[in-house]
Amino acid sequence: LYGADPAKPSYARACLLARRMIERGVRCVNIYHSGWDAHSNVAGNITNNTRATDQASAALVQDLKQRGLLDETLVIWGGEFGRTPMVESNPTLNRSLGRDHHPQAFSLWLAGGGVKGGVTLGATDELGFHITERPVHIHDLQATLLHLLGLDHERLTFHHGGRDYRLTDVHGNVVHDILS
């Protein structure tokens, strides 16, 4: 189901371990897959990374659903920024450098845990560079994730420099469009 090779460590084995930990009541599991920093060899990078993660990620969601755990488990899949849509090259080195960091437009997906399935929210221009529909600020994403975890983002504060701050700043709002 996961595509794991028992003989070697892999993202697939980490997904299977995550499912087993969730079954035993572990409340937060983080699975990390490195290698997405595609400043060079972007075609090979994407091919190798998707080969390593696609089947295992889908299997984790399917397995949680089959075991009745998906409704109470929030799966978040993403990175800290996107990638520029154009491949940059360096003729001096005779190679393609790949794609640079692009925090203005990026994707992630959520499953289970109160998220409405099958929803695509937002859009970019034809190049994938600028957001054209329904932008979601990072504070809105944080507010939504905290809401899905049962926390009131407006009451969750920390004290610094003599005053209280919210993790979601004063601008964060729950994105109700994706809630089930």
C-alpha atoms as a PDB file:
ATOM      1  CA  LEU A   1       0.000   0.000   0.000  1.00  0.00           C
ATOM      2  CA  TYR A   2       2.724   2.475   1.007  1.00  0.00           C
ATOM      3  CA  GLY A   3       5.401   1.241  -1.386  1.00  0.00           C
ATOM      4  CA  ALA A   4       7.910   0.876   1.441  1.00  0.00           C
ATOM      5  CA  ASP A   5      11.068  -1.166   1.094  1.00  0.00           C
ATOM      6  CA  PRO A   6      11.570  -2.859   4.478  1.00  0.00           C
ATOM      7  CA  ALA A   7      15.329  -2.968   3.896  1.00  0.00           C
ATOM      8  CA  LYS A   8      15.891   0.796   3.823  1.00  0.00           C
ATOM      9  CA  PRO A   9      14.614   3.948   5.488  1.00  0.00           C
ATOM     10  CA  SER A  10      12.210   5.944   3.377  1.00  0.00           C
ATOM     11  CA  TYR A  11       9.388   8.447   3.369  1.00  0.00           C
ATOM     12  CA  ALA A  12       7.002   5.521   2.786  1.00  0.00           C
ATOM     13  CA  ARG A  13       8.199   3.790   5.950  1.00  0.00           C
ATOM     14  CA  ALA A  14       7.814   7.082   7.842  1.00  0.00           C
ATOM     15  CA  CYS A  15       4.187   7.328   6.643  1.00  0.00           C
ATOM     16  CA  LEU A  16       3.483   3.789   7.817  1.00  0.00           C
ATOM     17  CA  LEU A  17       5.125   4.536  11.175  1.00  0.00           C
ATOM     18  CA  ALA A  18       3.038   7.728  11.453  1.00  0.00           C
ATOM     19  CA  ARG A  19      -0.160   5.720  10.963  1.00  0.00           C
ATOM     20  CA  ARG A  20       0.919   3.260  13.635  1.00  0.00           C
ATOM     21  CA  MET A  21       1.730   6.098  16.041  1.00  0.00           C
ATOM     22  CA  ILE A  22      -1.656   7.735  15.419  1.00  0.00           C
ATOM     23  CA  GLU A  23      -3.357   4.389  16.097  1.00  0.00           C
ATOM     24  CA  ARG A  24      -1.636   4.327  19.472  1.00  0.00           C
ATOM     25  CA  GLY A  25      -2.747   7.827  20.423  1.00  0.00           C
ATOM     26  CA  VAL A  26       0.240   9.996  19.537  1.00  0.00           C
ATOM     27  CA  ARG A  27      -1.243  13.472  19.085  1.00  0.00           C
ATOM     28  CA  CYS A  28       1.284  15.076  16.746  1.00  0.00           C
ATOM     29  CA  VAL A  29       3.451  13.365  14.146  1.00  0.00           C
ATOM     30  CA  ASN A  30       5.798  15.195  11.776  1.00  0.00           C
ATOM     31  CA  ILE A  31       7.113  13.462   8.671  1.00  0.00           C
ATOM     32  CA  TYR A  32       9.961  15.210   6.909  1.00  0.00           C
ATOM     33  CA  HIS A  33      11.109  14.644   3.344  1.00  0.00           C
ATOM     34  CA  SER A  34      14.188  16.567   2.303  1.00  0.00           C
ATOM     35  CA  GLY A  35      15.477  17.382  -1.113  1.00  0.00           C
ATOM     36  CA  TRP A  36      12.848  19.771  -2.497  1.00  0.00           C
ATOM     37  CA  ASP A  37      15.268  22.707  -2.705  1.00  0.00           C
ATOM     38  CA  ALA A  38      15.487  22.541  -6.497  1.00  0.00           C
ATOM     39  CA  HIS A  39      18.054  25.198  -7.351  1.00  0.00           C
ATOM     40  CA  SER A  40      19.515  22.692  -9.815  1.00  0.00           C
ATOM     41  CA  ASN A  41      18.269  19.693 -11.797  1.00  0.00           C
ATOM     42  CA  VAL A  42      14.634  20.643 -11.290  1.00  0.00           C
ATOM     43  CA  ALA A  43      13.293  17.920 -13.622  1.00  0.00           C
ATOM     44  CA  GLY A  44      15.166  15.142 -11.837  1.00  0.00           C
ATOM     45  CA  ASN A  45      14.373  16.655  -8.449  1.00  0.00           C
ATOM     46  CA  ILE A  46      10.617  16.698  -9.029  1.00  0.00           C
ATOM     47  CA  THR A  47      10.622  13.216 -10.577  1.00  0.00           C
ATOM     48  CA  ASN A  48      12.560  11.669  -7.688  1.00  0.00           C
ATOM     49  CA  ASN A  49      10.658  13.485  -4.949  1.00  0.00           C
ATOM     50  CA  THR A  50       7.207  12.741  -6.314  1.00  0.00           C
ATOM     51  CA  ARG A  51       8.195   9.112  -6.858  1.00  0.00           C
ATOM     52  CA  ALA A  52       9.191   8.953  -3.180  1.00  0.00           C
ATOM     53  CA  THR A  53       6.153  10.761  -1.749  1.00  0.00           C
ATOM     54  CA  ASP A  54       3.031  10.416  -3.934  1.00  0.00           C
ATOM     55  CA  GLN A  55       2.102   6.782  -3.300  1.00  0.00           C
ATOM     56  CA  ALA A  56       3.027   6.887   0.379  1.00  0.00           C
ATOM     57  CA  SER A  57       1.102  10.122   1.056  1.00  0.00           C
ATOM     58  CA  ALA A  58      -2.007   8.798  -0.680  1.00  0.00           C
ATOM     59  CA  ALA A  59      -1.654   5.497   1.181  1.00  0.00           C
ATOM     60  CA  LEU A  60      -1.454   7.275   4.535  1.00  0.00           C
ATOM     61  CA  VAL A  61      -4.708   9.155   3.905  1.00  0.00           C
ATOM     62  CA  GLN A  62      -6.415   6.018   2.546  1.00  0.00           C
ATOM     63  CA  ASP A  63      -5.181   3.900   5.462  1.00  0.00           C
ATOM     64  CA  LEU A  64      -6.331   6.443   8.063  1.00  0.00           C
ATOM     65  CA  LYS A  65      -9.746   6.578   6.384  1.00  0.00           C
ATOM     66  CA  GLN A  66     -10.104   2.775   6.251  1.00  0.00           C
ATOM     67  CA  ARG A  67      -9.279   2.560   9.960  1.00  0.00           C
ATOM     68  CA  GLY A  68     -11.750   5.300  10.925  1.00  0.00           C
ATOM     69  CA  LEU A  69      -8.969   7.669  11.991  1.00  0.00           C
ATOM     70  CA  LEU A  70      -9.073  10.302   9.242  1.00  0.00           C
ATOM     71  CA  ASP A  71     -11.970  12.312  10.661  1.00  0.00           C
ATOM     72  CA  GLU A  72      -9.994  12.935  13.852  1.00  0.00           C
ATOM     73  CA  THR A  73      -6.587  13.332  12.179  1.00  0.00           C
ATOM     74  CA  LEU A  74      -5.543  16.487  10.342  1.00  0.00           C
ATOM     75  CA  VAL A  75      -3.017  15.746   7.589  1.00  0.00           C
ATOM     76  CA  ILE A  76      -1.062  18.786   6.372  1.00  0.00           C
ATOM     77  CA  TRP A  77       1.266  18.402   3.381  1.00  0.00           C
ATOM     78  CA  GLY A  78       3.357  21.335   2.221  1.00  0.00           C
ATOM     79  CA  GLY A  79       6.523  23.335   2.519  1.00  0.00           C
ATOM     80  CA  GLU A  80       7.454  26.763   3.739  1.00  0.00           C
ATOM     81  CA  PHE A  81       7.357  28.410   0.300  1.00  0.00           C
ATOM     82  CA  GLY A  82       6.705  27.776  -3.368  1.00  0.00           C
ATOM     83  CA  ARG A  83       9.002  27.774  -6.364  1.00  0.00           C
ATOM     84  CA  THR A  84       9.219  30.244  -9.206  1.00  0.00           C
ATOM     85  CA  PRO A  85       7.408  28.943 -12.294  1.00  0.00           C
ATOM     86  CA  MET A  86      10.352  29.585 -14.608  1.00  0.00           C
ATOM     87  CA  VAL A  87      13.572  27.602 -14.702  1.00  0.00           C
ATOM     88  CA  GLU A  88      16.618  29.787 -14.267  1.00  0.00           C
ATOM     89  CA  SER A  89      19.889  28.890 -15.959  1.00  0.00           C
ATOM     90  CA  ASN A  90      23.541  29.792 -15.666  1.00  0.00           C
ATOM     91  CA  PRO A  91      25.272  29.557 -19.064  1.00  0.00           C
ATOM     92  CA  THR A  92      28.668  30.055 -17.435  1.00  0.00           C
ATOM     93  CA  LEU A  93      28.274  26.745 -15.613  1.00  0.00           C
ATOM     94  CA  ASN A  94      26.495  25.151 -18.613  1.00  0.00           C
ATOM     95  CA  ARG A  95      23.561  23.953 -16.517  1.00  0.00           C
ATOM     96  CA  SER A  96      20.059  24.807 -15.472  1.00  0.00           C
ATOM     97  CA  LEU A  97      19.934  26.069 -11.934  1.00  0.00           C
ATOM     98  CA  GLY A  98      16.328  25.179 -11.371  1.00  0.00           C
ATOM     99  CA  ARG A  99      13.750  27.275  -9.614  1.00  0.00           C
ATOM    100  CA  ASP A 100      14.185  29.880  -6.925  1.00  0.00           C
ATOM    101  CA  HIS A 101      12.207  30.439  -3.714  1.00  0.00           C
ATOM    102  CA  HIS A 102       8.773  31.975  -4.317  1.00  0.00           C
ATOM    103  CA  PRO A 103       6.853  32.787  -1.124  1.00  0.00           C
ATOM    104  CA  GLN A 104       4.186  34.800  -2.985  1.00  0.00           C
ATOM    105  CA  ALA A 105       2.415  31.728  -4.403  1.00  0.00           C
ATOM    106  CA  PHE A 106       2.581  28.174  -3.123  1.00  0.00           C
ATOM    107  CA  SER A 107       0.405  25.130  -2.660  1.00  0.00           C
ATOM    108  CA  LEU A 108      -0.310  22.714   0.116  1.00  0.00           C
ATOM    109  CA  TRP A 109      -3.010  20.163   0.768  1.00  0.00           C
ATOM    110  CA  LEU A 110      -5.021  19.197   3.800  1.00  0.00           C
ATOM    111  CA  ALA A 111      -7.029  16.053   4.494  1.00  0.00           C
ATOM    112  CA  GLY A 112      -9.244  14.785   7.301  1.00  0.00           C
ATOM    113  CA  GLY A 113      -9.682  16.516  10.639  1.00  0.00           C
ATOM    114  CA  GLY A 114     -12.575  18.791   9.685  1.00  0.00           C
ATOM    115  CA  VAL A 115     -11.405  19.722   6.181  1.00  0.00           C
ATOM    116  CA  LYS A 116     -13.886  19.621   3.295  1.00  0.00           C
ATOM    117  CA  GLY A 117     -12.546  17.207   0.677  1.00  0.00           C
ATOM    118  CA  GLY A 118     -12.190  18.081  -2.993  1.00  0.00           C
ATOM    119  CA  VAL A 119     -11.860  21.836  -2.496  1.00  0.00           C
ATOM    120  CA  THR A 120      -9.374  23.900  -4.463  1.00  0.00           C
ATOM    121  CA  LEU A 121      -9.026  27.387  -3.060  1.00  0.00           C
ATOM    122  CA  GLY A 122      -7.309  30.190  -4.947  1.00  0.00           C
ATOM    123  CA  ALA A 123      -5.634  30.484  -8.322  1.00  0.00           C
ATOM    124  CA  THR A 124      -2.611  32.061  -9.957  1.00  0.00           C
ATOM    125  CA  ASP A 125      -2.045  33.722 -13.309  1.00  0.00           C
ATOM    126  CA  GLU A 126      -1.207  31.626 -16.368  1.00  0.00           C
ATOM    127  CA  LEU A 127       2.459  31.603 -15.349  1.00  0.00           C
ATOM    128  CA  GLY A 128       1.812  30.517 -11.781  1.00  0.00           C
ATOM    129  CA  PHE A 129       3.573  33.628 -10.524  1.00  0.00           C
ATOM    130  CA  HIS A 130       0.925  35.960  -9.080  1.00  0.00           C
ATOM    131  CA  ILE A 131      -2.157  35.068  -7.060  1.00  0.00           C
ATOM    132  CA  THR A 132      -5.289  36.055  -8.989  1.00  0.00           C
ATOM    133  CA  GLU A 133      -8.106  34.515  -6.925  1.00  0.00           C
ATOM    134  CA  ARG A 134      -8.796  34.096  -3.216  1.00  0.00           C
ATOM    135  CA  PRO A 135      -5.387  34.761  -1.661  1.00  0.00           C
ATOM    136  CA  VAL A 136      -4.892  33.220   1.775  1.00  0.00           C
ATOM    137  CA  HIS A 137      -2.443  35.043   4.021  1.00  0.00           C
ATOM    138  CA  ILE A 138      -0.173  32.912   6.190  1.00  0.00           C
ATOM    139  CA  HIS A 139      -1.979  34.294   9.270  1.00  0.00           C
ATOM    140  CA  ASP A 140      -5.272  32.995   7.817  1.00  0.00           C
ATOM    141  CA  LEU A 141      -3.706  29.577   7.259  1.00  0.00           C
ATOM    142  CA  GLN A 142      -2.410  29.553  10.831  1.00  0.00           C
ATOM    143  CA  ALA A 143      -5.809  30.633  12.206  1.00  0.00           C
ATOM    144  CA  THR A 144      -7.508  27.874  10.199  1.00  0.00           C
ATOM    145  CA  LEU A 145      -5.090  25.160  11.321  1.00  0.00           C
ATOM    146  CA  LEU A 146      -5.419  26.227  14.954  1.00  0.00           C
ATOM    147  CA  HIS A 147      -9.227  26.192  14.585  1.00  0.00           C
ATOM    148  CA  LEU A 148      -9.090  22.669  13.132  1.00  0.00           C
ATOM    149  CA  LEU A 149      -6.988  21.631  16.131  1.00  0.00           C
ATOM    150  CA  GLY A 150      -9.615  23.019  18.494  1.00  0.00           C
ATOM    151  CA  LEU A 151      -7.724  26.155  19.511  1.00  0.00           C
ATOM    152  CA  ASP A 152      -9.084  29.703  19.432  1.00  0.00           C
ATOM    153  CA  HIS A 153      -6.386  31.643  17.601  1.00  0.00           C
ATOM    154  CA  GLU A 154      -7.628  34.931  19.061  1.00  0.00           C
ATOM    155  CA  ARG A 155      -7.041  33.694  22.617  1.00  0.00           C
ATOM    156  CA  LEU A 156      -3.737  31.932  21.953  1.00  0.00           C
ATOM    157  CA  THR A 157      -1.151  34.576  22.842  1.00  0.00           C
ATOM    158  CA  PHE A 158       2.436  34.910  23.953  1.00  0.00           C
ATOM    159  CA  HIS A 159       4.044  37.677  25.983  1.00  0.00           C
ATOM    160  CA  HIS A 160       7.017  39.538  24.520  1.00  0.00           C
ATOM    161  CA  GLY A 161       8.450  42.988  25.059  1.00  0.00           C
ATOM    162  CA  GLY A 162       5.864  43.926  27.645  1.00  0.00           C
ATOM    163  CA  ARG A 163       2.741  43.027  25.683  1.00  0.00           C
ATOM    164  CA  ASP A 164       0.711  40.075  24.434  1.00  0.00           C
ATOM    165  CA  TYR A 165       0.889  38.981  20.796  1.00  0.00           C
ATOM    166  CA  ARG A 166      -1.285  36.571  18.821  1.00  0.00           C
ATOM    167  CA  LEU A 167       0.391  33.930  16.681  1.00  0.00           C
ATOM    168  CA  THR A 168      -1.958  34.944  13.885  1.00  0.00           C
ATOM    169  CA  ASP A 169      -1.352  38.681  14.364  1.00  0.00           C
ATOM    170  CA  VAL A 170      -4.439  40.893  14.292  1.00  0.00           C
ATOM    171  CA  HIS A 171      -5.196  39.985  10.676  1.00  0.00           C
ATOM    172  CA  GLY A 172      -5.635  36.202  10.863  1.00  0.00           C
ATOM    173  CA  ASN A 173      -9.085  34.826  10.026  1.00  0.00           C
ATOM    174  CA  VAL A 174     -10.309  31.244   9.787  1.00  0.00           C
ATOM    175  CA  VAL A 175     -10.836  30.185   6.150  1.00  0.00           C
ATOM    176  CA  HIS A 176     -14.342  28.727   6.436  1.00  0.00           C
ATOM    177  CA  ASP A 177     -14.490  27.751   2.726  1.00  0.00           C
ATOM    178  CA  ILE A 178     -12.416  24.633   3.403  1.00  0.00           C
ATOM    179  CA  LEU A 179     -14.127  23.461   6.603  1.00  0.00           C
ATOM    180  CA  SER A 180     -16.511  20.514   6.477  1.00  0.00           C
END
